[in-house]
Amino acid sequence: MQFSDFFNVGNGLVDTVKIVFFRMLPRAAQIEKVRAEINRSLLKQYGKMTRLEIDKANRTISADLDLKGDNTVVQIKLSNYRLIEEAGRHPVIEPGTIEASREWLDALLQTLVKASVIPNQIAVKNPLHQAVVKSIL
């Protein structure tokens, strides 16, 4: 699964309209829309993301997760992410360093990164997804 899989894909005209409306939203509303979509898709069976913060200047993404069966919030942080844009190519996200507030989860994430289950680069191919990523990162 890629980051871009978190967003619904429509036809070209529908995507164009979605892009226009998304770009018109204030930054906080854009981030909230992304958080809500992640909750509806990726996290639906596991719990929900209660906070998502994206700091473009410091290249960090922080999230709080309220996971089913867990009594306390799990914090996830991506540091030093990069958005690479080269002419004639799809934008690429490099997630950087991933950390979790639970020791076992942090160890699991590091193992998944080393095994390349979590890729070190994610190509964003769909134009709608590209607009979202370029706007919030």
C-alpha atoms as a PDB file:
ATOM      1  CA  MET A   1       0.000   0.000   0.000  1.00  0.00           C
ATOM      2  CA  GLN A   2       1.261   3.443  -0.885  1.00  0.00           C
ATOM      3  CA  PHE A   3       0.525   6.780   0.749  1.00  0.00           C
ATOM      4  CA  SER A   4      -1.439   7.663  -2.344  1.00  0.00           C
ATOM      5  CA  ASP A   5      -3.741   4.666  -1.782  1.00  0.00           C
ATOM      6  CA  PHE A   6      -5.289   6.536   1.168  1.00  0.00           C
ATOM      7  CA  PHE A   7      -7.212   8.837  -1.149  1.00  0.00           C
ATOM      8  CA  ASN A   8     -10.212   7.940  -3.263  1.00  0.00           C
ATOM      9  CA  VAL A   9      -9.564   8.029  -6.978  1.00  0.00           C
ATOM     10  CA  GLY A  10     -12.194   9.373  -9.363  1.00  0.00           C
ATOM     11  CA  ASN A  11     -12.209  10.102 -13.075  1.00  0.00           C
ATOM     12  CA  GLY A  12     -10.222  12.978 -14.573  1.00  0.00           C
ATOM     13  CA  LEU A  13     -12.938  15.641 -14.351  1.00  0.00           C
ATOM     14  CA  VAL A  14     -13.934  14.675 -10.810  1.00  0.00           C
ATOM     15  CA  ASP A  15     -10.285  14.721  -9.736  1.00  0.00           C
ATOM     16  CA  THR A  16      -9.800  18.155 -11.300  1.00  0.00           C
ATOM     17  CA  VAL A  17     -12.770  19.548  -9.382  1.00  0.00           C
ATOM     18  CA  LYS A  18     -11.499  17.943  -6.152  1.00  0.00           C
ATOM     19  CA  ILE A  19      -8.050  19.492  -6.734  1.00  0.00           C
ATOM     20  CA  VAL A  20      -9.515  22.966  -7.227  1.00  0.00           C
ATOM     21  CA  PHE A  21     -11.670  22.747  -4.102  1.00  0.00           C
ATOM     22  CA  PHE A  22      -8.848  21.238  -2.015  1.00  0.00           C
ATOM     23  CA  ARG A  23      -6.459  24.047  -2.990  1.00  0.00           C
ATOM     24  CA  MET A  24      -9.075  26.622  -1.990  1.00  0.00           C
ATOM     25  CA  LEU A  25      -9.190  25.309   1.581  1.00  0.00           C
ATOM     26  CA  PRO A  26      -7.071  26.906   4.320  1.00  0.00           C
ATOM     27  CA  ARG A  27      -4.034  24.802   5.266  1.00  0.00           C
ATOM     28  CA  ALA A  28      -5.572  23.620   8.568  1.00  0.00           C
ATOM     29  CA  ALA A  29      -8.685  22.421   6.724  1.00  0.00           C
ATOM     30  CA  GLN A  30      -6.526  20.594   4.162  1.00  0.00           C
ATOM     31  CA  ILE A  31      -4.683  18.746   6.929  1.00  0.00           C
ATOM     32  CA  GLU A  32      -7.969  17.928   8.649  1.00  0.00           C
ATOM     33  CA  LYS A  33      -9.342  16.532   5.384  1.00  0.00           C
ATOM     34  CA  VAL A  34      -6.272  14.281   5.032  1.00  0.00           C
ATOM     35  CA  ARG A  35      -6.614  13.130   8.675  1.00  0.00           C
ATOM     36  CA  ALA A  36     -10.282  12.286   8.151  1.00  0.00           C
ATOM     37  CA  GLU A  37      -9.521  10.330   4.962  1.00  0.00           C
ATOM     38  CA  ILE A  38      -6.780   8.335   6.707  1.00  0.00           C
ATOM     39  CA  ASN A  39      -9.282   7.505   9.463  1.00  0.00           C
ATOM     40  CA  ARG A  40     -11.884   6.385   6.891  1.00  0.00           C
ATOM     41  CA  SER A  41      -9.442   4.204   4.989  1.00  0.00           C
ATOM     42  CA  LEU A  42      -6.153   3.075   6.493  1.00  0.00           C
ATOM     43  CA  LEU A  43      -7.060   3.225  10.195  1.00  0.00           C
ATOM     44  CA  LYS A  44     -10.722   2.242  10.012  1.00  0.00           C
ATOM     45  CA  GLN A  45     -10.263  -1.216  11.550  1.00  0.00           C
ATOM     46  CA  TYR A  46      -7.502  -0.185  13.979  1.00  0.00           C
ATOM     47  CA  GLY A  47      -8.783   2.993  15.589  1.00  0.00           C
ATOM     48  CA  LYS A  48      -8.413   6.640  14.632  1.00  0.00           C
ATOM     49  CA  MET A  49      -5.955   9.474  14.292  1.00  0.00           C
ATOM     50  CA  THR A  50      -6.937  12.208  16.727  1.00  0.00           C
ATOM     51  CA  ARG A  51      -4.216  14.718  15.798  1.00  0.00           C
ATOM     52  CA  LEU A  52      -2.172  15.364  12.662  1.00  0.00           C
ATOM     53  CA  GLU A  53       0.388  18.155  12.498  1.00  0.00           C
ATOM     54  CA  ILE A  54       2.612  18.865   9.526  1.00  0.00           C
ATOM     55  CA  ASP A  55       5.459  21.320  10.011  1.00  0.00           C
ATOM     56  CA  LYS A  56       6.799  22.216   6.555  1.00  0.00           C
ATOM     57  CA  ALA A  57       9.602  24.390   7.917  1.00  0.00           C
ATOM     58  CA  ASN A  58      11.063  21.665  10.145  1.00  0.00           C
ATOM     59  CA  ARG A  59       9.977  18.801   7.846  1.00  0.00           C
ATOM     60  CA  THR A  60       8.154  16.876  10.568  1.00  0.00           C
ATOM     61  CA  ILE A  61       4.818  15.099  10.679  1.00  0.00           C
ATOM     62  CA  SER A  62       3.345  14.214  14.077  1.00  0.00           C
ATOM     63  CA  ALA A  63       0.214  12.212  14.767  1.00  0.00           C
ATOM     64  CA  ASP A  64      -1.664  10.891  17.782  1.00  0.00           C
ATOM     65  CA  LEU A  65      -3.432   7.571  17.341  1.00  0.00           C
ATOM     66  CA  ASP A  66      -6.282   6.292  19.509  1.00  0.00           C
ATOM     67  CA  LEU A  67      -5.998   2.575  18.747  1.00  0.00           C
ATOM     68  CA  LYS A  68      -8.552  -0.070  19.639  1.00  0.00           C
ATOM     69  CA  GLY A  69      -7.557  -2.044  22.729  1.00  0.00           C
ATOM     70  CA  ASP A  70      -5.007   0.563  23.830  1.00  0.00           C
ATOM     71  CA  ASN A  71      -5.789   2.798  26.814  1.00  0.00           C
ATOM     72  CA  THR A  72      -3.351   5.582  25.960  1.00  0.00           C
ATOM     73  CA  VAL A  73      -2.528   7.582  22.858  1.00  0.00           C
ATOM     74  CA  VAL A  74       0.206   6.297  20.546  1.00  0.00           C
ATOM     75  CA  GLN A  75       2.339   9.074  19.092  1.00  0.00           C
ATOM     76  CA  ILE A  76       4.005   8.729  15.692  1.00  0.00           C
ATOM     77  CA  LYS A  77       6.584  11.161  14.325  1.00  0.00           C
ATOM     78  CA  LEU A  78       8.241  11.396  10.928  1.00  0.00           C
ATOM     79  CA  SER A  79      11.332  13.602  10.901  1.00  0.00           C
ATOM     80  CA  ASN A  80      13.273  14.956   7.958  1.00  0.00           C
ATOM     81  CA  TYR A  81      10.738  13.905   5.332  1.00  0.00           C
ATOM     82  CA  ARG A  82      11.369  15.134   1.809  1.00  0.00           C
ATOM     83  CA  LEU A  83       9.185  15.826  -1.181  1.00  0.00           C
ATOM     84  CA  ILE A  84      11.248  15.405  -4.345  1.00  0.00           C
ATOM     85  CA  GLU A  85       9.922  17.009  -7.505  1.00  0.00           C
ATOM     86  CA  GLU A  86      11.837  16.529 -10.757  1.00  0.00           C
ATOM     87  CA  ALA A  87      10.656  17.721 -14.157  1.00  0.00           C
ATOM     88  CA  GLY A  88       8.947  14.986 -16.141  1.00  0.00           C
ATOM     89  CA  ARG A  89       8.672  12.609 -13.165  1.00  0.00           C
ATOM     90  CA  HIS A  90       6.075  11.856 -10.505  1.00  0.00           C
ATOM     91  CA  PRO A  91       6.716  13.530  -7.134  1.00  0.00           C
ATOM     92  CA  VAL A  92       8.407  11.229  -4.616  1.00  0.00           C
ATOM     93  CA  ILE A  93       8.052  11.281  -0.825  1.00  0.00           C
ATOM     94  CA  GLU A  94      10.927  10.130   1.368  1.00  0.00           C
ATOM     95  CA  PRO A  95       9.445   9.614   4.857  1.00  0.00           C
ATOM     96  CA  GLY A  96      12.750  10.133   6.709  1.00  0.00           C
ATOM     97  CA  THR A  97      12.983   8.850  10.286  1.00  0.00           C
ATOM     98  CA  ILE A  98       9.891   7.195  11.763  1.00  0.00           C
ATOM     99  CA  GLU A  99       9.448   6.994  15.550  1.00  0.00           C
ATOM    100  CA  ALA A 100       6.653   5.740  17.808  1.00  0.00           C
ATOM    101  CA  SER A 101       5.950   6.382  21.480  1.00  0.00           C
ATOM    102  CA  ARG A 102       5.628   2.640  22.222  1.00  0.00           C
ATOM    103  CA  GLU A 103       8.950   0.842  22.450  1.00  0.00           C
ATOM    104  CA  TRP A 104       7.644  -2.342  20.794  1.00  0.00           C
ATOM    105  CA  LEU A 105       5.974  -0.391  17.983  1.00  0.00           C
ATOM    106  CA  ASP A 106       9.075   1.712  17.431  1.00  0.00           C
ATOM    107  CA  ALA A 107      11.160  -1.484  17.164  1.00  0.00           C
ATOM    108  CA  LEU A 108       8.616  -2.972  14.723  1.00  0.00           C
ATOM    109  CA  LEU A 109       8.670   0.148  12.554  1.00  0.00           C
ATOM    110  CA  GLN A 110      12.482   0.098  12.421  1.00  0.00           C
ATOM    111  CA  THR A 111      12.388  -3.579  11.408  1.00  0.00           C
ATOM    112  CA  LEU A 112       9.828  -2.849   8.672  1.00  0.00           C
ATOM    113  CA  VAL A 113      11.981   0.005   7.366  1.00  0.00           C
ATOM    114  CA  LYS A 114      15.106  -2.194   7.299  1.00  0.00           C
ATOM    115  CA  ALA A 115      13.181  -4.969   5.507  1.00  0.00           C
ATOM    116  CA  SER A 116      11.863  -2.391   2.987  1.00  0.00           C
ATOM    117  CA  VAL A 117       8.259  -3.209   3.900  1.00  0.00           C
ATOM    118  CA  ILE A 118       8.025   0.509   4.615  1.00  0.00           C
ATOM    119  CA  PRO A 119       9.677   1.952   1.499  1.00  0.00           C
ATOM    120  CA  ASN A 120      12.260   4.713   1.680  1.00  0.00           C
ATOM    121  CA  GLN A 121      10.598   6.384  -1.319  1.00  0.00           C
ATOM    122  CA  ILE A 122       6.942   6.555  -2.335  1.00  0.00           C
ATOM    123  CA  ALA A 123       6.011   7.748  -5.836  1.00  0.00           C
ATOM    124  CA  VAL A 124       2.786   9.738  -6.019  1.00  0.00           C
ATOM    125  CA  LYS A 125       1.261   9.002  -9.423  1.00  0.00           C
ATOM    126  CA  ASN A 126      -2.347  10.211  -9.351  1.00  0.00           C
ATOM    127  CA  PRO A 127      -2.811  13.959 -10.101  1.00  0.00           C
ATOM    128  CA  LEU A 128      -5.260  14.354  -7.192  1.00  0.00           C
ATOM    129  CA  HIS A 129      -2.816  12.774  -4.779  1.00  0.00           C
ATOM    130  CA  GLN A 130      -0.019  14.934  -6.169  1.00  0.00           C
ATOM    131  CA  ALA A 131      -2.030  18.093  -5.515  1.00  0.00           C
ATOM    132  CA  VAL A 132      -2.740  17.012  -1.946  1.00  0.00           C
ATOM    133  CA  VAL A 133       0.870  16.077  -1.182  1.00  0.00           C
ATOM    134  CA  LYS A 134       2.333  19.203  -2.795  1.00  0.00           C
ATOM    135  CA  SER A 135      -0.075  21.384  -0.854  1.00  0.00           C
ATOM    136  CA  ILE A 136       0.431  19.956   2.628  1.00  0.00           C
ATOM    137  CA  LEU A 137       4.090  18.882   2.563  1.00  0.00           C
END
